[in-house]
PDB file of N, CA and C in Angstrom:
ATOM      1  N   MET A   1       8.819  20.681  -8.366  1.00  0.00           N
ATOM      2  CA  MET A   1       7.385  19.592  -8.268  1.00  0.00           C
ATOM      3  C   MET A   1       7.622  18.218  -7.075  1.00  0.00           C
ATOM      4  N   SER A   2       7.561  17.657  -6.422  1.00  0.00           N
ATOM      5  CA  SER A   2       7.700  16.732  -5.858  1.00  0.00           C
ATOM      6  C   SER A   2       7.713  15.767  -6.538  1.00  0.00           C
ATOM      7  N   ASN A   3       8.642  14.341  -6.065  1.00  0.00           N
ATOM      8  CA  ASN A   3       8.744  13.154  -6.647  1.00  0.00           C
ATOM      9  C   ASN A   3       7.266  12.520  -6.372  1.00  0.00           C
ATOM     10  N   PRO A   4       7.198  12.294  -7.063  1.00  0.00           N
ATOM     11  CA  PRO A   4       6.054  11.015  -6.980  1.00  0.00           C
ATOM     12  C   PRO A   4       5.878   9.544  -6.861  1.00  0.00           C
ATOM     13  N   ILE A   5       6.679   9.137  -6.015  1.00  0.00           N
ATOM     14  CA  ILE A   5       7.614   7.625  -5.978  1.00  0.00           C
ATOM     15  C   ILE A   5       8.345   7.666  -4.447  1.00  0.00           C
ATOM     16  N   LYS A   6       7.775   7.561  -3.427  1.00  0.00           N
ATOM     17  CA  LYS A   6       7.602   7.091  -2.240  1.00  0.00           C
ATOM     18  C   LYS A   6       8.532   6.043  -2.003  1.00  0.00           C
ATOM     19  N   ARG A   7       9.354   6.099  -1.358  1.00  0.00           N
ATOM     20  CA  ARG A   7      10.058   4.434  -1.122  1.00  0.00           C
ATOM     21  C   ARG A   7      10.166   4.439   0.505  1.00  0.00           C
ATOM     22  N   HIS A   8       9.659   3.178   1.399  1.00  0.00           N
ATOM     23  CA  HIS A   8       9.674   3.282   1.908  1.00  0.00           C
ATOM     24  C   HIS A   8      10.784   2.138   2.330  1.00  0.00           C
ATOM     25  N   HIS A   9      11.662   1.958   3.963  1.00  0.00           N
ATOM     26  CA  HIS A   9      12.127   0.740   4.588  1.00  0.00           C
ATOM     27  C   HIS A   9      13.192   0.712   3.020  1.00  0.00           C
ATOM     28  N   PRO A  10      13.796   1.843   2.902  1.00  0.00           N
ATOM     29  CA  PRO A  10      15.227   1.337   1.908  1.00  0.00           C
ATOM     30  C   PRO A  10      16.235   1.041   2.347  1.00  0.00           C
ATOM     31  N   GLY A  11      17.368  -0.144   2.249  1.00  0.00           N
ATOM     32  CA  GLY A  11      18.276  -0.731   2.622  1.00  0.00           C
ATOM     33  C   GLY A  11      19.614  -1.564   1.580  1.00  0.00           C
ATOM     34  N   GLY A  12      20.719  -1.687   1.546  1.00  0.00           N
ATOM     35  CA  GLY A  12      21.510  -2.888   1.219  1.00  0.00           C
ATOM     36  C   GLY A  12      20.813  -2.360  -0.946  1.00  0.00           C
ATOM     37  N   SER A  13      20.579  -3.083  -1.236  1.00  0.00           N
ATOM     38  CA  SER A  13      20.408  -2.738  -2.433  1.00  0.00           C
ATOM     39  C   SER A  13      19.047  -3.147  -3.017  1.00  0.00           C
ATOM     40  N   LEU A  14      17.741  -2.948  -2.136  1.00  0.00           N
ATOM     41  CA  LEU A  14      16.497  -2.436  -2.713  1.00  0.00           C
ATOM     42  C   LEU A  14      15.600  -0.994  -1.789  1.00  0.00           C
ATOM     43  N   SER A  15      14.388  -1.279  -1.951  1.00  0.00           N
ATOM     44  CA  SER A  15      13.518  -1.017  -0.717  1.00  0.00           C
ATOM     45  C   SER A  15      12.186  -1.672  -0.675  1.00  0.00           C
ATOM     46  N   ARG A  16      12.417  -1.774   1.069  1.00  0.00           N
ATOM     47  CA  ARG A  16      10.337  -2.736   1.012  1.00  0.00           C
ATOM     48  C   ARG A  16       9.800  -3.410  -0.036  1.00  0.00           C
ATOM     49  N   LEU A  17       9.104  -1.132   0.184  1.00  0.00           N
ATOM     50  CA  LEU A  17       7.823  -0.634  -0.909  1.00  0.00           C
ATOM     51  C   LEU A  17       7.978  -0.099  -1.212  1.00  0.00           C
ATOM     52  N   VAL A  18       7.000   0.262  -2.707  1.00  0.00           N
ATOM     53  CA  VAL A  18       7.561   1.723  -3.355  1.00  0.00           C
ATOM     54  C   VAL A  18       6.582   1.798  -3.521  1.00  0.00           C
ATOM     55  N   GLU A  19       6.206   3.030  -3.156  1.00  0.00           N
ATOM     56  CA  GLU A  19       4.977   3.863  -3.988  1.00  0.00           C
ATOM     57  C   GLU A  19       4.389   4.859  -5.241  1.00  0.00           C
ATOM     58  N   PHE A  20       3.847   4.233  -5.904  1.00  0.00           N
ATOM     59  CA  PHE A  20       3.483   5.465  -6.886  1.00  0.00           C
ATOM     60  C   PHE A  20       2.374   5.823  -7.926  1.00  0.00           C
ATOM     61  N   GLY A  21       1.674   6.911  -7.504  1.00  0.00           N
ATOM     62  CA  GLY A  21       0.476   7.324  -7.608  1.00  0.00           C
ATOM     63  C   GLY A  21      -0.601   5.878  -6.786  1.00  0.00           C
ATOM     64  N   ASN A  22      -1.296   5.436  -7.210  1.00  0.00           N
ATOM     65  CA  ASN A  22      -1.879   4.234  -6.746  1.00  0.00           C
ATOM     66  C   ASN A  22      -1.330   3.001  -6.349  1.00  0.00           C
ATOM     67  N   LEU A  23      -0.574   2.897  -6.657  1.00  0.00           N
ATOM     68  CA  LEU A  23      -0.215   1.316  -6.391  1.00  0.00           C
ATOM     69  C   LEU A  23       1.298   0.766  -5.637  1.00  0.00           C
ATOM     70  N   VAL A  24       1.129  -0.083  -5.191  1.00  0.00           N
ATOM     71  CA  VAL A  24       2.279  -0.288  -3.909  1.00  0.00           C
ATOM     72  C   VAL A  24       2.825  -1.325  -4.114  1.00  0.00           C
ATOM     73  N   PHE A  25       3.842  -1.769  -4.641  1.00  0.00           N
ATOM     74  CA  PHE A  25       4.695  -2.331  -5.369  1.00  0.00           C
ATOM     75  C   PHE A  25       5.852  -2.758  -4.111  1.00  0.00           C
ATOM     76  N   VAL A  26       5.577  -4.400  -3.389  1.00  0.00           N
ATOM     77  CA  VAL A  26       6.125  -4.930  -2.592  1.00  0.00           C
ATOM     78  C   VAL A  26       7.112  -6.055  -3.196  1.00  0.00           C
ATOM     79  N   ALA A  27       9.044  -5.886  -2.675  1.00  0.00           N
ATOM     80  CA  ALA A  27       9.808  -5.948  -2.997  1.00  0.00           C
ATOM     81  C   ALA A  27       9.483  -7.866  -2.310  1.00  0.00           C
ATOM     82  N   GLY A  28      10.265  -8.522  -2.764  1.00  0.00           N
ATOM     83  CA  GLY A  28      10.516  -9.761  -2.658  1.00  0.00           C
ATOM     84  C   GLY A  28      10.611  -9.764  -0.446  1.00  0.00           C
ATOM     85  N   THR A  29       9.953 -10.389  -0.040  1.00  0.00           N
ATOM     86  CA  THR A  29       9.912 -10.627   1.365  1.00  0.00           C
ATOM     87  C   THR A  29      10.198 -11.823   1.686  1.00  0.00           C
ATOM     88  N   THR A  30      10.939 -12.580   2.703  1.00  0.00           N
ATOM     89  CA  THR A  30      11.344 -13.825   3.431  1.00  0.00           C
ATOM     90  C   THR A  30      11.426 -13.783   4.750  1.00  0.00           C
ATOM     91  N   ALA A  31      11.221 -14.806   4.847  1.00  0.00           N
ATOM     92  CA  ALA A  31      11.511 -15.377   6.780  1.00  0.00           C
ATOM     93  C   ALA A  31      12.550 -15.128   7.553  1.00  0.00           C
ATOM     94  N   ASP A  32      12.664 -14.269   8.367  1.00  0.00           N
ATOM     95  CA  ASP A  32      14.141 -14.611   9.493  1.00  0.00           C
ATOM     96  C   ASP A  32      14.164 -15.812   9.985  1.00  0.00           C
ATOM     97  N   ASN A  33      12.888 -16.701  10.286  1.00  0.00           N
ATOM     98  CA  ASN A  33      13.774 -17.758  10.930  1.00  0.00           C
ATOM     99  C   ASN A  33      13.795 -19.150   9.771  1.00  0.00           C
ATOM    100  N   ARG A  34      14.778 -18.723   9.795  1.00  0.00           N
ATOM    101  CA  ARG A  34      15.210 -19.375   8.461  1.00  0.00           C
ATOM    102  C   ARG A  34      15.033 -21.488   8.418  1.00  0.00           C
ATOM    103  N   SER A  35      14.975 -22.082   9.765  1.00  0.00           N
ATOM    104  CA  SER A  35      14.711 -22.999  10.587  1.00  0.00           C
ATOM    105  C   SER A  35      13.150 -23.269  10.662  1.00  0.00           C
ATOM    106  N   ALA A  36      12.228 -22.752  10.127  1.00  0.00           N
ATOM    107  CA  ALA A  36      10.986 -22.453  10.268  1.00  0.00           C
ATOM    108  C   ALA A  36      10.374 -23.729   8.720  1.00  0.00           C
ATOM    109  N   SER A  37       9.602 -24.275   8.865  1.00  0.00           N
ATOM    110  CA  SER A  37       8.816 -25.164   7.916  1.00  0.00           C
ATOM    111  C   SER A  37       8.355 -23.993   6.876  1.00  0.00           C
ATOM    112  N   CYS A  38       8.119 -24.831   6.118  1.00  0.00           N
ATOM    113  CA  CYS A  38       7.662 -23.826   4.557  1.00  0.00           C
ATOM    114  C   CYS A  38       6.307 -23.026   5.125  1.00  0.00           C
ATOM    115  N   LYS A  39       4.819 -23.977   5.833  1.00  0.00           N
ATOM    116  CA  LYS A  39       4.224 -23.162   6.278  1.00  0.00           C
ATOM    117  C   LYS A  39       4.645 -22.312   7.282  1.00  0.00           C
ATOM    118  N   MET A  40       5.171 -21.877   8.192  1.00  0.00           N
ATOM    119  CA  MET A  40       5.479 -20.878   9.301  1.00  0.00           C
ATOM    120  C   MET A  40       5.923 -19.355   8.662  1.00  0.00           C
ATOM    121  N   GLN A  41       7.374 -20.464   7.669  1.00  0.00           N
ATOM    122  CA  GLN A  41       8.140 -19.216   6.728  1.00  0.00           C
ATOM    123  C   GLN A  41       7.166 -18.190   5.962  1.00  0.00           C
ATOM    124  N   THR A  42       5.865 -18.780   5.553  1.00  0.00           N
ATOM    125  CA  THR A  42       4.797 -18.235   4.814  1.00  0.00           C
ATOM    126  C   THR A  42       3.879 -17.331   6.017  1.00  0.00           C
ATOM    127  N   ASP A  43       3.623 -18.194   6.944  1.00  0.00           N
ATOM    128  CA  ASP A  43       3.018 -17.055   8.027  1.00  0.00           C
ATOM    129  C   ASP A  43       3.463 -15.856   7.963  1.00  0.00           C
ATOM    130  N   GLU A  44       5.094 -16.135   7.977  1.00  0.00           N
ATOM    131  CA  GLU A  44       6.066 -14.574   8.792  1.00  0.00           C
ATOM    132  C   GLU A  44       6.152 -13.616   7.490  1.00  0.00           C
ATOM    133  N   VAL A  45       6.105 -14.419   6.273  1.00  0.00           N
ATOM    134  CA  VAL A  45       5.730 -13.479   5.647  1.00  0.00           C
ATOM    135  C   VAL A  45       5.138 -12.309   5.818  1.00  0.00           C
ATOM    136  N   LEU A  46       3.823 -13.186   5.055  1.00  0.00           N
ATOM    137  CA  LEU A  46       2.377 -12.510   5.603  1.00  0.00           C
ATOM    138  C   LEU A  46       1.666 -11.281   6.379  1.00  0.00           C
ATOM    139  N   LYS A  47       2.880 -12.080   7.287  1.00  0.00           N
ATOM    140  CA  LYS A  47       2.167 -10.931   8.648  1.00  0.00           C
ATOM    141  C   LYS A  47       3.584 -10.090   8.456  1.00  0.00           C
ATOM    142  N   LYS A  48       4.994  -9.382   7.737  1.00  0.00           N
ATOM    143  CA  LYS A  48       5.218  -8.858   7.397  1.00  0.00           C
ATOM    144  C   LYS A  48       5.530  -8.101   6.394  1.00  0.00           C
ATOM    145  N   ILE A  49       3.775  -9.266   5.305  1.00  0.00           N
ATOM    146  CA  ILE A  49       3.469  -8.104   4.520  1.00  0.00           C
ATOM    147  C   ILE A  49       2.305  -6.932   4.959  1.00  0.00           C
ATOM    148  N   ASP A  50       1.477  -7.506   5.502  1.00  0.00           N
ATOM    149  CA  ASP A  50       0.834  -6.914   6.505  1.00  0.00           C
ATOM    150  C   ASP A  50       0.873  -5.628   6.442  1.00  0.00           C
ATOM    151  N   ARG A  51       2.191  -5.432   7.347  1.00  0.00           N
ATOM    152  CA  ARG A  51       3.332  -4.679   8.200  1.00  0.00           C
ATOM    153  C   ARG A  51       3.682  -3.142   7.059  1.00  0.00           C
ATOM    154  N   LEU A  52       4.322  -3.968   5.734  1.00  0.00           N
ATOM    155  CA  LEU A  52       4.143  -2.470   5.258  1.00  0.00           C
ATOM    156  C   LEU A  52       3.405  -2.812   4.653  1.00  0.00           C
ATOM    157  N   LEU A  53       1.972  -3.636   4.139  1.00  0.00           N
ATOM    158  CA  LEU A  53       0.881  -2.652   3.241  1.00  0.00           C
ATOM    159  C   LEU A  53       0.275  -2.134   4.146  1.00  0.00           C
ATOM    160  N   ALA A  54       0.091  -1.520   5.586  1.00  0.00           N
ATOM    161  CA  ALA A  54      -0.181  -0.769   6.471  1.00  0.00           C
ATOM    162  C   ALA A  54       0.631   0.549   6.386  1.00  0.00           C
ATOM    163  N   ASP A  55       1.732   0.307   5.765  1.00  0.00           N
ATOM    164  CA  ASP A  55       3.008   1.735   5.657  1.00  0.00           C
ATOM    165  C   ASP A  55       2.467   2.881   4.612  1.00  0.00           C
ATOM    166  N   ALA A  56       1.900   1.955   3.798  1.00  0.00           N
ATOM    167  CA  ALA A  56       1.613   2.654   3.017  1.00  0.00           C
ATOM    168  C   ALA A  56      -0.171   2.872   2.560  1.00  0.00           C
ATOM    169  N   GLY A  57      -0.980   2.355   3.462  1.00  0.00           N
ATOM    170  CA  GLY A  57      -2.090   3.374   3.614  1.00  0.00           C
ATOM    171  C   GLY A  57      -3.034   1.295   2.623  1.00  0.00           C
ATOM    172  N   SER A  58      -2.652   0.661   2.637  1.00  0.00           N
ATOM    173  CA  SER A  58      -3.197  -0.349   1.719  1.00  0.00           C
ATOM    174  C   SER A  58      -3.193  -2.660   2.301  1.00  0.00           C
ATOM    175  N   ASP A  59      -3.835  -2.883   2.193  1.00  0.00           N
ATOM    176  CA  ASP A  59      -3.965  -4.277   2.497  1.00  0.00           C
ATOM    177  C   ASP A  59      -4.152  -4.856   1.880  1.00  0.00           C
ATOM    178  N   LYS A  60      -4.253  -6.393   2.059  1.00  0.00           N
ATOM    179  CA  LYS A  60      -4.353  -7.800   1.653  1.00  0.00           C
ATOM    180  C   LYS A  60      -5.615  -7.101   0.680  1.00  0.00           C
ATOM    181  N   SER A  61      -6.695  -6.945   1.064  1.00  0.00           N
ATOM    182  CA  SER A  61      -7.482  -6.859   0.016  1.00  0.00           C
ATOM    183  C   SER A  61      -7.538  -5.930  -1.022  1.00  0.00           C
ATOM    184  N   LYS A  62      -6.848  -5.371  -1.160  1.00  0.00           N
ATOM    185  CA  LYS A  62      -6.144  -4.693  -2.187  1.00  0.00           C
ATOM    186  C   LYS A  62      -4.854  -5.038  -2.585  1.00  0.00           C
ATOM    187  N   ILE A  63      -4.613  -6.714  -3.038  1.00  0.00           N
ATOM    188  CA  ILE A  63      -3.467  -7.034  -4.028  1.00  0.00           C
ATOM    189  C   ILE A  63      -4.283  -7.109  -5.104  1.00  0.00           C
ATOM    190  N   LEU A  64      -3.049  -6.756  -6.312  1.00  0.00           N
ATOM    191  CA  LEU A  64      -2.968  -7.295  -7.171  1.00  0.00           C
ATOM    192  C   LEU A  64      -3.083  -8.089  -8.417  1.00  0.00           C
ATOM    193  N   TRP A  65      -1.545  -8.228  -7.761  1.00  0.00           N
ATOM    194  CA  TRP A  65      -1.153  -9.448  -8.242  1.00  0.00           C
ATOM    195  C   TRP A  65       0.312  -9.381  -7.798  1.00  0.00           C
ATOM    196  N   CYS A  66       0.548 -11.082  -7.239  1.00  0.00           N
ATOM    197  CA  CYS A  66       1.558 -11.497  -5.974  1.00  0.00           C
ATOM    198  C   CYS A  66       2.025 -12.976  -6.998  1.00  0.00           C
ATOM    199  N   ASN A  67       3.691 -12.958  -6.466  1.00  0.00           N
ATOM    200  CA  ASN A  67       4.031 -14.412  -6.994  1.00  0.00           C
ATOM    201  C   ASN A  67       4.528 -14.154  -6.297  1.00  0.00           C
ATOM    202  N   VAL A  68       4.944 -15.762  -6.096  1.00  0.00           N
ATOM    203  CA  VAL A  68       5.635 -16.350  -4.788  1.00  0.00           C
ATOM    204  C   VAL A  68       6.670 -17.313  -5.336  1.00  0.00           C
ATOM    205  N   TRP A  69       7.686 -17.864  -4.367  1.00  0.00           N
ATOM    206  CA  TRP A  69       8.469 -18.234  -5.082  1.00  0.00           C
ATOM    207  C   TRP A  69       8.782 -19.501  -4.127  1.00  0.00           C
ATOM    208  N   LEU A  70       9.054 -21.106  -4.259  1.00  0.00           N
ATOM    209  CA  LEU A  70       9.123 -21.908  -3.417  1.00  0.00           C
ATOM    210  C   LEU A  70      10.443 -22.443  -3.317  1.00  0.00           C
ATOM    211  N   THR A  71      11.283 -23.536  -2.566  1.00  0.00           N
ATOM    212  CA  THR A  71      13.029 -23.253  -3.078  1.00  0.00           C
ATOM    213  C   THR A  71      12.030 -25.021  -3.334  1.00  0.00           C
ATOM    214  N   ASP A  72      10.792 -25.761  -2.973  1.00  0.00           N
ATOM    215  CA  ASP A  72      10.337 -27.300  -3.326  1.00  0.00           C
ATOM    216  C   ASP A  72       8.885 -26.736  -3.318  1.00  0.00           C
ATOM    217  N   ILE A  73       9.063 -27.544  -4.481  1.00  0.00           N
ATOM    218  CA  ILE A  73       7.626 -27.388  -4.889  1.00  0.00           C
ATOM    219  C   ILE A  73       6.797 -27.829  -4.628  1.00  0.00           C
ATOM    220  N   ARG A  74       7.284 -29.435  -4.247  1.00  0.00           N
ATOM    221  CA  ARG A  74       6.520 -29.724  -3.318  1.00  0.00           C
ATOM    222  C   ARG A  74       5.639 -29.819  -1.505  1.00  0.00           C
ATOM    223  N   GLU A  75       6.807 -28.773  -1.232  1.00  0.00           N
ATOM    224  CA  GLU A  75       6.018 -27.969  -0.241  1.00  0.00           C
ATOM    225  C   GLU A  75       4.894 -26.765  -0.219  1.00  0.00           C
ATOM    226  N   LYS A  76       4.312 -26.744  -1.609  1.00  0.00           N
ATOM    227  CA  LYS A  76       3.454 -26.294  -2.261  1.00  0.00           C
ATOM    228  C   LYS A  76       2.257 -25.741  -1.497  1.00  0.00           C
ATOM    229  N   ASP A  77       1.691 -26.753  -0.806  1.00  0.00           N
ATOM    230  CA  ASP A  77       0.484 -27.155  -0.276  1.00  0.00           C
ATOM    231  C   ASP A  77       0.197 -26.724   0.984  1.00  0.00           C
ATOM    232  N   GLN A  78       2.029 -26.643   2.105  1.00  0.00           N
ATOM    233  CA  GLN A  78       1.934 -25.827   3.396  1.00  0.00           C
ATOM    234  C   GLN A  78       1.897 -23.979   2.872  1.00  0.00           C
ATOM    235  N   MET A  79       2.610 -23.706   1.897  1.00  0.00           N
ATOM    236  CA  MET A  79       2.700 -22.636   2.125  1.00  0.00           C
ATOM    237  C   MET A  79       1.089 -21.841   1.449  1.00  0.00           C
ATOM    238  N   ASP A  80       0.001 -22.930   0.369  1.00  0.00           N
ATOM    239  CA  ASP A  80      -1.226 -22.890   0.430  1.00  0.00           C
ATOM    240  C   ASP A  80      -2.261 -22.811   1.372  1.00  0.00           C
ATOM    241  N   ALA A  81      -1.665 -23.718   2.386  1.00  0.00           N
ATOM    242  CA  ALA A  81      -2.626 -23.204   3.754  1.00  0.00           C
ATOM    243  C   ALA A  81      -2.481 -22.227   4.538  1.00  0.00           C
ATOM    244  N   ALA A  82      -1.007 -21.540   4.179  1.00  0.00           N
ATOM    245  CA  ALA A  82      -0.852 -20.676   5.462  1.00  0.00           C
ATOM    246  C   ALA A  82      -1.325 -18.605   4.556  1.00  0.00           C
ATOM    247  N   TRP A  83      -1.445 -19.821   2.594  1.00  0.00           N
ATOM    248  CA  TRP A  83      -2.278 -18.721   2.467  1.00  0.00           C
ATOM    249  C   TRP A  83      -4.078 -18.624   1.875  1.00  0.00           C
ATOM    250  N   ALA A  84      -3.976 -19.529   2.329  1.00  0.00           N
ATOM    251  CA  ALA A  84      -5.983 -19.523   2.479  1.00  0.00           C
ATOM    252  C   ALA A  84      -6.087 -18.793   3.838  1.00  0.00           C
ATOM    253  N   ALA A  85      -5.424 -19.133   4.383  1.00  0.00           N
ATOM    254  CA  ALA A  85      -5.716 -18.805   6.336  1.00  0.00           C
ATOM    255  C   ALA A  85      -5.879 -17.296   5.893  1.00  0.00           C
ATOM    256  N   TRP A  86      -5.031 -16.690   5.255  1.00  0.00           N
ATOM    257  CA  TRP A  86      -4.394 -14.956   5.018  1.00  0.00           C
ATOM    258  C   TRP A  86      -5.191 -14.411   4.453  1.00  0.00           C
ATOM    259  N   VAL A  87      -5.518 -14.839   3.297  1.00  0.00           N
ATOM    260  CA  VAL A  87      -6.186 -13.872   1.967  1.00  0.00           C
ATOM    261  C   VAL A  87      -7.511 -13.353   2.061  1.00  0.00           C
ATOM    262  N   ASP A  88      -7.641 -12.429   1.869  1.00  0.00           N
ATOM    263  CA  ASP A  88      -9.197 -11.863   1.747  1.00  0.00           C
ATOM    264  C   ASP A  88     -10.031 -13.046   0.686  1.00  0.00           C
ATOM    265  N   PRO A  89     -10.869 -13.713   1.570  1.00  0.00           N
ATOM    266  CA  PRO A  89     -11.335 -14.466   0.579  1.00  0.00           C
ATOM    267  C   PRO A  89     -12.680 -13.892  -0.751  1.00  0.00           C
ATOM    268  N   ASP A  90     -12.599 -12.183  -0.398  1.00  0.00           N
ATOM    269  CA  ASP A  90     -13.622 -11.729  -1.278  1.00  0.00           C
ATOM    270  C   ASP A  90     -12.773 -11.000  -2.370  1.00  0.00           C
ATOM    271  N   ASN A  91     -11.056 -11.092  -2.484  1.00  0.00           N
ATOM    272  CA  ASN A  91     -10.758 -10.108  -2.913  1.00  0.00           C
ATOM    273  C   ASN A  91      -9.011 -11.083  -3.447  1.00  0.00           C
ATOM    274  N   LYS A  92      -9.759 -12.188  -4.019  1.00  0.00           N
ATOM    275  CA  LYS A  92      -8.118 -12.991  -4.059  1.00  0.00           C
ATOM    276  C   LYS A  92      -7.750 -12.439  -5.678  1.00  0.00           C
ATOM    277  N   PRO A  93      -6.397 -12.254  -5.180  1.00  0.00           N
ATOM    278  CA  PRO A  93      -5.880 -11.925  -6.464  1.00  0.00           C
ATOM    279  C   PRO A  93      -4.844 -12.817  -7.831  1.00  0.00           C
ATOM    280  N   ALA A  94      -4.470 -12.536  -8.945  1.00  0.00           N
ATOM    281  CA  ALA A  94      -3.944 -13.064  -9.718  1.00  0.00           C
ATOM    282  C   ALA A  94      -2.271 -13.428  -8.717  1.00  0.00           C
ATOM    283  N   ARG A  95      -2.321 -14.515  -8.994  1.00  0.00           N
ATOM    284  CA  ARG A  95      -0.805 -14.732  -8.271  1.00  0.00           C
ATOM    285  C   ARG A  95       0.010 -16.225  -9.280  1.00  0.00           C
ATOM    286  N   ALA A  96       0.834 -16.305  -8.910  1.00  0.00           N
ATOM    287  CA  ALA A  96       1.121 -17.407  -9.566  1.00  0.00           C
ATOM    288  C   ALA A  96       2.306 -17.896  -8.941  1.00  0.00           C
ATOM    289  N   THR A  97       3.049 -19.076  -8.460  1.00  0.00           N
ATOM    290  CA  THR A  97       3.710 -19.914  -7.730  1.00  0.00           C
ATOM    291  C   THR A  97       4.649 -20.931  -7.935  1.00  0.00           C
ATOM    292  N   VAL A  98       5.908 -20.238  -8.441  1.00  0.00           N
ATOM    293  CA  VAL A  98       7.413 -20.896  -9.174  1.00  0.00           C
ATOM    294  C   VAL A  98       8.069 -22.031  -8.090  1.00  0.00           C
ATOM    295  N   GLU A  99       8.550 -23.102  -8.543  1.00  0.00           N
ATOM    296  CA  GLU A  99       9.650 -23.281  -8.100  1.00  0.00           C
ATOM    297  C   GLU A  99      11.340 -22.687  -7.953  1.00  0.00           C
ATOM    298  N   SER A 100      12.140 -22.181  -7.728  1.00  0.00           N
ATOM    299  CA  SER A 100      12.958 -21.464  -7.810  1.00  0.00           C
ATOM    300  C   SER A 100      14.110 -21.551  -7.315  1.00  0.00           C
ATOM    301  N   ARG A 101      15.485 -21.754  -6.822  1.00  0.00           N
ATOM    302  CA  ARG A 101      16.262 -21.750  -6.147  1.00  0.00           C
ATOM    303  C   ARG A 101      16.299 -20.296  -5.676  1.00  0.00           C
ATOM    304  N   LEU A 102      16.575 -20.531  -4.560  1.00  0.00           N
ATOM    305  CA  LEU A 102      16.884 -18.694  -3.094  1.00  0.00           C
ATOM    306  C   LEU A 102      17.715 -18.191  -3.028  1.00  0.00           C
ATOM    307  N   ALA A 103      17.891 -17.310  -2.300  1.00  0.00           N
ATOM    308  CA  ALA A 103      19.129 -16.248  -1.751  1.00  0.00           C
ATOM    309  C   ALA A 103      19.906 -17.231  -0.792  1.00  0.00           C
ATOM    310  N   THR A 104      18.682 -18.044   0.390  1.00  0.00           N
ATOM    311  CA  THR A 104      19.527 -18.934   0.940  1.00  0.00           C
ATOM    312  C   THR A 104      19.539 -20.519   0.750  1.00  0.00           C
ATOM    313  N   PRO A 105      19.688 -21.015   0.832  1.00  0.00           N
ATOM    314  CA  PRO A 105      19.115 -22.633   1.341  1.00  0.00           C
ATOM    315  C   PRO A 105      18.355 -23.078   2.267  1.00  0.00           C
ATOM    316  N   ASP A 106      18.433 -22.196   3.086  1.00  0.00           N
ATOM    317  CA  ASP A 106      17.320 -22.390   4.582  1.00  0.00           C
ATOM    318  C   ASP A 106      16.110 -21.447   3.840  1.00  0.00           C
ATOM    319  N   THR A 107      15.758 -20.472   3.007  1.00  0.00           N
ATOM    320  CA  THR A 107      15.069 -19.649   2.457  1.00  0.00           C
ATOM    321  C   THR A 107      13.664 -20.814   2.024  1.00  0.00           C
ATOM    322  N   ARG A 108      12.371 -20.601   2.373  1.00  0.00           N
ATOM    323  CA  ARG A 108      11.606 -21.416   1.228  1.00  0.00           C
ATOM    324  C   ARG A 108      10.584 -21.177   0.511  1.00  0.00           C
ATOM    325  N   VAL A 109      10.263 -20.006   0.785  1.00  0.00           N
ATOM    326  CA  VAL A 109       9.168 -19.498   0.399  1.00  0.00           C
ATOM    327  C   VAL A 109      10.047 -17.329   0.346  1.00  0.00           C
ATOM    328  N   GLU A 110       9.815 -17.371  -0.626  1.00  0.00           N
ATOM    329  CA  GLU A 110       9.647 -15.758  -0.992  1.00  0.00           C
ATOM    330  C   GLU A 110       8.668 -15.255  -1.972  1.00  0.00           C
ATOM    331  N   ILE A 111       7.867 -14.349  -1.406  1.00  0.00           N
ATOM    332  CA  ILE A 111       6.486 -13.323  -2.206  1.00  0.00           C
ATOM    333  C   ILE A 111       6.233 -11.949  -2.200  1.00  0.00           C
ATOM    334  N   MET A 112       6.640 -11.282  -3.977  1.00  0.00           N
ATOM    335  CA  MET A 112       5.905  -9.832  -3.800  1.00  0.00           C
ATOM    336  C   MET A 112       5.058 -10.081  -4.132  1.00  0.00           C
ATOM    337  N   MET A 113       4.166  -8.197  -4.592  1.00  0.00           N
ATOM    338  CA  MET A 113       3.022  -7.944  -4.780  1.00  0.00           C
ATOM    339  C   MET A 113       2.917  -7.120  -5.408  1.00  0.00           C
ATOM    340  N   ILE A 114       1.656  -6.580  -6.054  1.00  0.00           N
ATOM    341  CA  ILE A 114       1.401  -5.445  -6.373  1.00  0.00           C
ATOM    342  C   ILE A 114       0.134  -5.164  -6.049  1.00  0.00           C
ATOM    343  N   CYS A 115      -0.021  -4.018  -5.008  1.00  0.00           N
ATOM    344  CA  CYS A 115      -1.392  -3.844  -4.320  1.00  0.00           C
ATOM    345  C   CYS A 115      -2.100  -2.320  -5.239  1.00  0.00           C
ATOM    346  N   ALA A 116      -2.797  -2.311  -5.312  1.00  0.00           N
ATOM    347  CA  ALA A 116      -3.346  -0.744  -5.201  1.00  0.00           C
ATOM    348  C   ALA A 116      -3.442  -0.222  -3.652  1.00  0.00           C
ATOM    349  N   LYS A 117      -3.832   0.718  -3.760  1.00  0.00           N
ATOM    350  CA  LYS A 117      -4.027   1.972  -3.037  1.00  0.00           C
ATOM    351  C   LYS A 117      -5.479   1.852  -2.100  1.00  0.00           C
TER     352      LYS A 117
END
């Protein structure tokens, strides 16, 4: 019997993406450019997510659920601007956005999601 779970880009303590059945789980994703604004970090994160979803044969039109963490909720407008320019307007997912302390003080946004294949 083969393992129905497919793990992509494993390393450290997690896999960046996990497939199970018709679902795709994207791990919390952050920007590499930590000196960038919240909008620029969000743009970078969403580009990374596009590549991850493509690895699993999915795309942003199939996002079911998304959670966004911001270190400063006052920057939500910046994140929302990047999100609005990126998200499929005909297939908006359920989404929550919360303020939280993130792994490093210069990480402004982290995004994770569940998608269909």
